[in-house]
């Protein structure tokens, strides 16, 4: 979701900066466009960082000795964060 929002902000900012030739007295559309493009880049980078962080997994290995038979028992468990 945040990656898509970042791309959307960047595209809207690029349109305001490069595609429109409208002059207004009360707002500078080029500055607004550059600000939106900067915000889009920041939101995209944060979204990618959160996506990479979410995909990490933890593997736990336990080794025990069964008292009845005296054999070694290995247990493996892997935990991953579920995707929303």
PDB file of N, CA and C in Angstrom:
ATOM      1  N   UNK A   1       0.814  -1.186   0.000  1.00  0.00           N
ATOM      2  CA  UNK A   1       0.000   0.000   0.000  1.00  0.00           C
ATOM      3  C   UNK A   1       0.860   1.253   0.000  1.00  0.00           C
ATOM      4  N   UNK A   2       1.892   1.279   0.832  1.00  0.00           N
ATOM      5  CA  UNK A   2       2.696   2.494   0.912  1.00  0.00           C
ATOM      6  C   UNK A   2       3.567   2.678  -0.332  1.00  0.00           C
ATOM      7  N   UNK A   3       3.957   1.588  -0.973  1.00  0.00           N
ATOM      8  CA  UNK A   3       4.741   1.724  -2.198  1.00  0.00           C
ATOM      9  C   UNK A   3       3.872   2.350  -3.297  1.00  0.00           C
ATOM     10  N   UNK A   4       2.638   1.908  -3.380  1.00  0.00           N
ATOM     11  CA  UNK A   4       1.713   2.479  -4.362  1.00  0.00           C
ATOM     12  C   UNK A   4       1.416   3.942  -4.077  1.00  0.00           C
ATOM     13  N   UNK A   5       1.273   4.289  -2.799  1.00  0.00           N
ATOM     14  CA  UNK A   5       1.046   5.685  -2.438  1.00  0.00           C
ATOM     15  C   UNK A   5       2.255   6.538  -2.798  1.00  0.00           C
ATOM     16  N   UNK A   6       3.454   6.026  -2.571  1.00  0.00           N
ATOM     17  CA  UNK A   6       4.663   6.766  -2.928  1.00  0.00           C
ATOM     18  C   UNK A   6       4.761   7.013  -4.425  1.00  0.00           C
ATOM     19  N   UNK A   7       4.443   5.997  -5.204  1.00  0.00           N
ATOM     20  CA  UNK A   7       4.470   6.162  -6.665  1.00  0.00           C
ATOM     21  C   UNK A   7       3.414   7.172  -7.106  1.00  0.00           C
ATOM     22  N   UNK A   8       2.235   7.111  -6.504  1.00  0.00           N
ATOM     23  CA  UNK A   8       1.162   8.053  -6.829  1.00  0.00           C
ATOM     24  C   UNK A   8       1.585   9.493  -6.519  1.00  0.00           C
ATOM     25  N   UNK A   9       2.160   9.707  -5.340  1.00  0.00           N
ATOM     26  CA  UNK A   9       2.621  11.051  -4.980  1.00  0.00           C
ATOM     27  C   UNK A   9       3.684  11.554  -5.947  1.00  0.00           C
ATOM     28  N   UNK A  10       4.603  10.676  -6.318  1.00  0.00           N
ATOM     29  CA  UNK A  10       5.654  11.077  -7.247  1.00  0.00           C
ATOM     30  C   UNK A  10       5.070  11.462  -8.607  1.00  0.00           C
ATOM     31  N   UNK A  11       4.120  10.677  -9.107  1.00  0.00           N
ATOM     32  CA  UNK A  11       3.528  10.957 -10.424  1.00  0.00           C
ATOM     33  C   UNK A  11       2.738  12.262 -10.400  1.00  0.00           C
ATOM     34  N   UNK A  12       1.951  12.477  -9.340  1.00  0.00           N
ATOM     35  CA  UNK A  12       1.187  13.722  -9.250  1.00  0.00           C
ATOM     36  C   UNK A  12       2.143  14.914  -9.152  1.00  0.00           C
ATOM     37  N   UNK A  13       3.212  14.771  -8.392  1.00  0.00           N
ATOM     38  CA  UNK A  13       4.193  15.852  -8.303  1.00  0.00           C
ATOM     39  C   UNK A  13       4.863  16.135  -9.635  1.00  0.00           C
ATOM     40  N   UNK A  14       5.181  15.081 -10.387  1.00  0.00           N
ATOM     41  CA  UNK A  14       5.797  15.277 -11.703  1.00  0.00           C
ATOM     42  C   UNK A  14       4.833  15.959 -12.663  1.00  0.00           C
ATOM     43  N   UNK A  15       3.565  15.610 -12.588  1.00  0.00           N
ATOM     44  CA  UNK A  15       2.577  16.266 -13.453  1.00  0.00           C
ATOM     45  C   UNK A  15       2.469  17.745 -13.105  1.00  0.00           C
ATOM     46  N   UNK A  16       2.413  18.046 -11.805  1.00  0.00           N
ATOM     47  CA  UNK A  16       2.324  19.456 -11.407  1.00  0.00           C
ATOM     48  C   UNK A  16       3.561  20.243 -11.810  1.00  0.00           C
ATOM     49  N   UNK A  17       4.714  19.615 -11.749  1.00  0.00           N
ATOM     50  CA  UNK A  17       5.956  20.330 -12.039  1.00  0.00           C
ATOM     51  C   UNK A  17       6.210  20.477 -13.535  1.00  0.00           C
ATOM     52  N   UNK A  18       6.079  19.385 -14.269  1.00  0.00           N
ATOM     53  CA  UNK A  18       6.542  19.382 -15.659  1.00  0.00           C
ATOM     54  C   UNK A  18       5.434  19.497 -16.711  1.00  0.00           C
ATOM     55  N   UNK A  19       4.211  19.094 -16.392  1.00  0.00           N
ATOM     56  CA  UNK A  19       3.180  19.034 -17.430  1.00  0.00           C
ATOM     57  C   UNK A  19       2.247  20.244 -17.432  1.00  0.00           C
ATOM     58  N   UNK A  20       2.075  20.883 -16.293  1.00  0.00           N
ATOM     59  CA  UNK A  20       1.146  22.009 -16.242  1.00  0.00           C
ATOM     60  C   UNK A  20       1.884  23.329 -16.451  1.00  0.00           C
ATOM     61  N   UNK A  21       1.286  24.194 -17.236  1.00  0.00           N
ATOM     62  CA  UNK A  21       1.824  25.538 -17.446  1.00  0.00           C
ATOM     63  C   UNK A  21       0.822  26.568 -16.942  1.00  0.00           C
ATOM     64  N   UNK A  22       0.362  26.370 -15.726  1.00  0.00           N
ATOM     65  CA  UNK A  22      -0.616  27.270 -15.128  1.00  0.00           C
ATOM     66  C   UNK A  22       0.108  28.170 -14.145  1.00  0.00           C
ATOM     67  N   UNK A  23      -0.116  29.477 -14.236  1.00  0.00           N
ATOM     68  CA  UNK A  23       0.489  30.435 -13.320  1.00  0.00           C
ATOM     69  C   UNK A  23      -0.583  30.934 -12.359  1.00  0.00           C
ATOM     70  N   UNK A  24      -0.314  30.800 -11.080  1.00  0.00           N
ATOM     71  CA  UNK A  24      -1.212  31.340 -10.066  1.00  0.00           C
ATOM     72  C   UNK A  24      -0.423  32.286  -9.172  1.00  0.00           C
ATOM     73  N   UNK A  25      -1.118  33.264  -8.618  1.00  0.00           N
ATOM     74  CA  UNK A  25      -0.449  34.239  -7.768  1.00  0.00           C
ATOM     75  C   UNK A  25      -0.278  33.741  -6.331  1.00  0.00           C
ATOM     76  N   UNK A  26      -1.142  32.874  -5.884  1.00  0.00           N
ATOM     77  CA  UNK A  26      -1.153  32.505  -4.479  1.00  0.00           C
ATOM     78  C   UNK A  26      -0.423  31.196  -4.184  1.00  0.00           C
ATOM     79  N   UNK A  27      -0.010  30.404  -5.197  1.00  0.00           N
ATOM     80  CA  UNK A  27       0.693  29.140  -4.949  1.00  0.00           C
ATOM     81  C   UNK A  27       1.653  28.860  -6.107  1.00  0.00           C
ATOM     82  N   UNK A  28       2.811  28.324  -5.775  1.00  0.00           N
ATOM     83  CA  UNK A  28       3.799  27.948  -6.784  1.00  0.00           C
ATOM     84  C   UNK A  28       3.655  26.444  -7.044  1.00  0.00           C
ATOM     85  N   UNK A  29       3.058  26.084  -8.168  1.00  0.00           N
ATOM     86  CA  UNK A  29       2.790  24.680  -8.462  1.00  0.00           C
ATOM     87  C   UNK A  29       4.065  23.879  -8.693  1.00  0.00           C
ATOM     88  N   UNK A  30       5.125  24.530  -9.160  1.00  0.00           N
ATOM     89  CA  UNK A  30       6.395  23.815  -9.321  1.00  0.00           C
ATOM     90  C   UNK A  30       6.940  23.372  -7.966  1.00  0.00           C
ATOM     91  N   UNK A  31       6.874  24.244  -6.976  1.00  0.00           N
ATOM     92  CA  UNK A  31       7.348  23.894  -5.634  1.00  0.00           C
ATOM     93  C   UNK A  31       6.495  22.788  -5.028  1.00  0.00           C
ATOM     94  N   UNK A  32       5.184  22.873  -5.189  1.00  0.00           N
ATOM     95  CA  UNK A  32       4.302  21.824  -4.678  1.00  0.00           C
ATOM     96  C   UNK A  32       4.621  20.494  -5.359  1.00  0.00           C
ATOM     97  N   UNK A  33       4.880  20.538  -6.649  1.00  0.00           N
ATOM     98  CA  UNK A  33       5.232  19.321  -7.378  1.00  0.00           C
ATOM     99  C   UNK A  33       6.524  18.704  -6.880  1.00  0.00           C
ATOM    100  N   UNK A  34       7.537  19.530  -6.659  1.00  0.00           N
ATOM    101  CA  UNK A  34       8.801  19.013  -6.132  1.00  0.00           C
ATOM    102  C   UNK A  34       8.627  18.439  -4.730  1.00  0.00           C
ATOM    103  N   UNK A  35       7.821  19.090  -3.902  1.00  0.00           N
ATOM    104  CA  UNK A  35       7.561  18.565  -2.560  1.00  0.00           C
ATOM    105  C   UNK A  35       6.843  17.220  -2.615  1.00  0.00           C
ATOM    106  N   UNK A  36       5.864  17.099  -3.511  1.00  0.00           N
ATOM    107  CA  UNK A  36       5.156  15.826  -3.650  1.00  0.00           C
ATOM    108  C   UNK A  36       6.074  14.723  -4.179  1.00  0.00           C
ATOM    109  N   UNK A  37       6.968  15.067  -5.101  1.00  0.00           N
ATOM    110  CA  UNK A  37       7.911  14.054  -5.598  1.00  0.00           C
ATOM    111  C   UNK A  37       8.863  13.617  -4.488  1.00  0.00           C
ATOM    112  N   UNK A  38       9.328  14.553  -3.671  1.00  0.00           N
ATOM    113  CA  UNK A  38      10.190  14.189  -2.545  1.00  0.00           C
ATOM    114  C   UNK A  38       9.466  13.312  -1.542  1.00  0.00           C
ATOM    115  N   UNK A  39       8.213  13.664  -1.238  1.00  0.00           N
ATOM    116  CA  UNK A  39       7.428  12.854  -0.314  1.00  0.00           C
ATOM    117  C   UNK A  39       7.173  11.464  -0.891  1.00  0.00           C
ATOM    118  N   UNK A  40       6.958  11.388  -2.196  1.00  0.00           N
ATOM    119  CA  UNK A  40       6.747  10.087  -2.833  1.00  0.00           C
ATOM    120  C   UNK A  40       7.972   9.199  -2.732  1.00  0.00           C
ATOM    121  N   UNK A  41       9.144   9.773  -2.904  1.00  0.00           N
ATOM    122  CA  UNK A  41      10.383   8.988  -2.783  1.00  0.00           C
ATOM    123  C   UNK A  41      10.555   8.495  -1.350  1.00  0.00           C
ATOM    124  N   UNK A  42      10.306   9.381  -0.377  1.00  0.00           N
ATOM    125  CA  UNK A  42      10.457   8.987   1.032  1.00  0.00           C
ATOM    126  C   UNK A  42       9.470   7.890   1.404  1.00  0.00           C
ATOM    127  N   UNK A  43       8.213   8.022   0.991  1.00  0.00           N
ATOM    128  CA  UNK A  43       7.196   7.014   1.311  1.00  0.00           C
ATOM    129  C   UNK A  43       7.530   5.684   0.643  1.00  0.00           C
ATOM    130  N   UNK A  44       8.025   5.705  -0.579  1.00  0.00           N
ATOM    131  CA  UNK A  44       8.404   4.465  -1.265  1.00  0.00           C
ATOM    132  C   UNK A  44       9.564   3.779  -0.552  1.00  0.00           C
ATOM    133  N   UNK A  45      10.568   4.527  -0.125  1.00  0.00           N
ATOM    134  CA  UNK A  45      11.710   3.936   0.576  1.00  0.00           C
ATOM    135  C   UNK A  45      11.269   3.340   1.911  1.00  0.00           C
ATOM    136  N   UNK A  46      10.413   4.039   2.636  1.00  0.00           N
ATOM    137  CA  UNK A  46       9.906   3.502   3.901  1.00  0.00           C
ATOM    138  C   UNK A  46       9.082   2.236   3.659  1.00  0.00           C
ATOM    139  N   UNK A  47       8.272   2.237   2.619  1.00  0.00           N
ATOM    140  CA  UNK A  47       7.473   1.047   2.295  1.00  0.00           C
ATOM    141  C   UNK A  47       8.333  -0.158   1.953  1.00  0.00           C
ATOM    142  N   UNK A  48       9.410   0.069   1.198  1.00  0.00           N
ATOM    143  CA  UNK A  48      10.317  -1.037   0.853  1.00  0.00           C
ATOM    144  C   UNK A  48      11.028  -1.541   2.100  1.00  0.00           C
ATOM    145  N   UNK A  49      11.450  -0.627   2.976  1.00  0.00           N
ATOM    146  CA  UNK A  49      12.125  -1.040   4.210  1.00  0.00           C
ATOM    147  C   UNK A  49      11.199  -1.858   5.102  1.00  0.00           C
ATOM    148  N   UNK A  50       9.947  -1.455   5.209  1.00  0.00           N
ATOM    149  CA  UNK A  50       8.996  -2.217   6.021  1.00  0.00           C
ATOM    150  C   UNK A  50       8.674  -3.564   5.396  1.00  0.00           C
ATOM    151  N   UNK A  51       8.637  -3.623   4.080  1.00  0.00           N
ATOM    152  CA  UNK A  51       8.363  -4.882   3.402  1.00  0.00           C
ATOM    153  C   UNK A  51       9.498  -5.880   3.610  1.00  0.00           C
ATOM    154  N   UNK A  52      10.730  -5.411   3.538  1.00  0.00           N
ATOM    155  CA  UNK A  52      11.888  -6.281   3.753  1.00  0.00           C
ATOM    156  C   UNK A  52      11.929  -6.748   5.203  1.00  0.00           C
ATOM    157  N   UNK A  53      11.643  -5.842   6.119  1.00  0.00           N
ATOM    158  CA  UNK A  53      11.659  -6.189   7.538  1.00  0.00           C
ATOM    159  C   UNK A  53      10.570  -7.196   7.880  1.00  0.00           C
ATOM    160  N   UNK A  54       9.429  -7.118   7.244  1.00  0.00           N
ATOM    161  CA  UNK A  54       8.299  -7.995   7.518  1.00  0.00           C
ATOM    162  C   UNK A  54       8.574  -9.433   7.079  1.00  0.00           C
ATOM    163  N   UNK A  55       9.430  -9.627   6.098  1.00  0.00           N
ATOM    164  CA  UNK A  55       9.653 -10.953   5.535  1.00  0.00           C
ATOM    165  C   UNK A  55      10.716 -11.760   6.261  1.00  0.00           C
ATOM    166  N   UNK A  56      11.258 -11.255   7.349  1.00  0.00           N
ATOM    167  CA  UNK A  56      12.273 -11.993   8.077  1.00  0.00           C
ATOM    168  C   UNK A  56      11.628 -13.158   8.818  1.00  0.00           C
ATOM    169  N   UNK A  57      12.387 -14.220   8.984  1.00  0.00           N
ATOM    170  CA  UNK A  57      11.885 -15.388   9.701  1.00  0.00           C
ATOM    171  C   UNK A  57      12.883 -15.787  10.783  1.00  0.00           C
ATOM    172  N   UNK A  58      12.375 -16.488  11.776  1.00  0.00           N
ATOM    173  CA  UNK A  58      13.190 -16.948  12.900  1.00  0.00           C
ATOM    174  C   UNK A  58      13.108 -18.465  12.937  1.00  0.00           C
ATOM    175  N   UNK A  59      14.251 -19.129  12.954  1.00  0.00           N
ATOM    176  CA  UNK A  59      14.302 -20.585  13.036  1.00  0.00           C
ATOM    177  C   UNK A  59      14.894 -20.974  14.378  1.00  0.00           C
ATOM    178  N   UNK A  60      14.193 -21.857  15.092  1.00  0.00           N
ATOM    179  CA  UNK A  60      14.630 -22.324  16.400  1.00  0.00           C
ATOM    180  C   UNK A  60      14.893 -23.820  16.331  1.00  0.00           C
ATOM    181  N   UNK A  61      16.053 -24.255  16.813  1.00  0.00           N
ATOM    182  CA  UNK A  61      16.402 -25.676  16.834  1.00  0.00           C
ATOM    183  C   UNK A  61      16.621 -26.073  18.292  1.00  0.00           C
ATOM    184  N   UNK A  62      15.904 -27.121  18.730  1.00  0.00           N
ATOM    185  CA  UNK A  62      16.065 -27.640  20.086  1.00  0.00           C
ATOM    186  C   UNK A  62      16.519 -29.089  20.003  1.00  0.00           C
ATOM    187  N   UNK A  63      17.493 -29.415  20.820  1.00  0.00           N
ATOM    188  CA  UNK A  63      17.970 -30.796  20.897  1.00  0.00           C
ATOM    189  C   UNK A  63      17.742 -31.311  22.316  1.00  0.00           C
ATOM    190  N   UNK A  64      17.078 -32.428  22.424  1.00  0.00           N
ATOM    191  CA  UNK A  64      16.804 -33.063  23.709  1.00  0.00           C
ATOM    192  C   UNK A  64      17.197 -34.535  23.630  1.00  0.00           C
ATOM    193  N   UNK A  65      17.331 -35.130  24.802  1.00  0.00           N
ATOM    194  CA  UNK A  65      17.576 -36.566  24.898  1.00  0.00           C
ATOM    195  C   UNK A  65      16.338 -37.202  25.510  1.00  0.00           C
ATOM    196  N   UNK A  66      15.792 -38.188  24.800  1.00  0.00           N
ATOM    197  CA  UNK A  66      14.611 -38.891  25.287  1.00  0.00           C
ATOM    198  C   UNK A  66      15.034 -39.787  26.460  1.00  0.00           C
ATOM    199  N   UNK A  67      14.472 -39.558  27.662  1.00  0.00           N
ATOM    200  CA  UNK A  67      14.917 -40.332  28.816  1.00  0.00           C
ATOM    201  C   UNK A  67      14.537 -41.812  28.737  1.00  0.00           C
ATOM    202  N   UNK A  68      13.476 -42.133  28.029  1.00  0.00           N
ATOM    203  CA  UNK A  68      13.043 -43.535  27.966  1.00  0.00           C
ATOM    204  C   UNK A  68      13.971 -44.369  27.092  1.00  0.00           C
ATOM    205  N   UNK A  69      14.385 -43.828  25.956  1.00  0.00           N
ATOM    206  CA  UNK A  69      15.193 -44.614  25.024  1.00  0.00           C
ATOM    207  C   UNK A  69      16.642 -44.162  24.996  1.00  0.00           C
ATOM    208  N   UNK A  70      16.936 -42.973  25.504  1.00  0.00           N
ATOM    209  CA  UNK A  70      18.304 -42.468  25.488  1.00  0.00           C
ATOM    210  C   UNK A  70      18.752 -41.960  24.138  1.00  0.00           C
ATOM    211  N   UNK A  71      17.807 -41.716  23.226  1.00  0.00           N
ATOM    212  CA  UNK A  71      18.152 -41.216  21.892  1.00  0.00           C
ATOM    213  C   UNK A  71      17.986 -39.700  21.842  1.00  0.00           C
ATOM    214  N   UNK A  72      18.686 -39.120  20.916  1.00  0.00           N
ATOM    215  CA  UNK A  72      18.649 -37.668  20.736  1.00  0.00           C
ATOM    216  C   UNK A  72      17.462 -37.293  19.852  1.00  0.00           C
ATOM    217  N   UNK A  73      16.739 -36.237  20.251  1.00  0.00           N
ATOM    218  CA  UNK A  73      15.566 -35.775  19.513  1.00  0.00           C
ATOM    219  C   UNK A  73      15.811 -34.323  19.117  1.00  0.00           C
ATOM    220  N   UNK A  74      15.708 -34.024  17.828  1.00  0.00           N
ATOM    221  CA  UNK A  74      15.856 -32.658  17.323  1.00  0.00           C
ATOM    222  C   UNK A  74      14.486 -32.131  16.923  1.00  0.00           C
ATOM    223  N   UNK A  75      14.192 -30.903  17.350  1.00  0.00           N
ATOM    224  CA  UNK A  75      12.942 -30.251  16.971  1.00  0.00           C
ATOM    225  C   UNK A  75      13.280 -28.944  16.274  1.00  0.00           C
ATOM    226  N   UNK A  76      12.659 -28.702  15.129  1.00  0.00           N
ATOM    227  CA  UNK A  76      12.881 -27.467  14.379  1.00  0.00           C
ATOM    228  C   UNK A  76      11.546 -26.741  14.234  1.00  0.00           C
ATOM    229  N   UNK A  77      11.595 -25.419  14.448  1.00  0.00           N
ATOM    230  CA  UNK A  77      10.397 -24.591  14.291  1.00  0.00           C
ATOM    231  C   UNK A  77      10.805 -23.309  13.572  1.00  0.00           C
ATOM    232  N   UNK A  78      10.016 -22.929  12.586  1.00  0.00           N
ATOM    233  CA  UNK A  78      10.258 -21.706  11.831  1.00  0.00           C
ATOM    234  C   UNK A  78       9.055 -20.796  11.991  1.00  0.00           C
ATOM    235  N   UNK A  79       9.315 -19.554  12.357  1.00  0.00           N
ATOM    236  CA  UNK A  79       8.269 -18.556  12.518  1.00  0.00           C
ATOM    237  C   UNK A  79       8.473 -17.454  11.498  1.00  0.00           C
ATOM    238  N   UNK A  80       7.413 -17.080  10.824  1.00  0.00           N
ATOM    239  CA  UNK A  80       7.457 -15.941   9.903  1.00  0.00           C
ATOM    240  C   UNK A  80       6.306 -15.021  10.230  1.00  0.00           C
ATOM    241  N   UNK A  81       6.515 -13.761   9.972  1.00  0.00           N
ATOM    242  CA  UNK A  81       5.444 -12.794  10.174  1.00  0.00           C
ATOM    243  C   UNK A  81       4.431 -12.960   9.053  1.00  0.00           C
ATOM    244  N   UNK A  82       3.143 -13.051   9.388  1.00  0.00           N
ATOM    245  CA  UNK A  82       2.144 -13.203   8.325  1.00  0.00           C
ATOM    246  C   UNK A  82       1.978 -11.909   7.541  1.00  0.00           C
ATOM    247  N   UNK A  83       1.718 -12.050   6.269  1.00  0.00           N
ATOM    248  CA  UNK A  83       1.479 -10.875   5.427  1.00  0.00           C
ATOM    249  C   UNK A  83       0.063 -10.387   5.660  1.00  0.00           C
ATOM    250  N   UNK A  84      -0.144  -9.081   5.676  1.00  0.00           N
ATOM    251  CA  UNK A  84      -1.506  -8.557   5.911  1.00  0.00           C
ATOM    252  C   UNK A  84      -2.394  -8.772   4.726  1.00  0.00           C
TER     253      UNK A  84
END
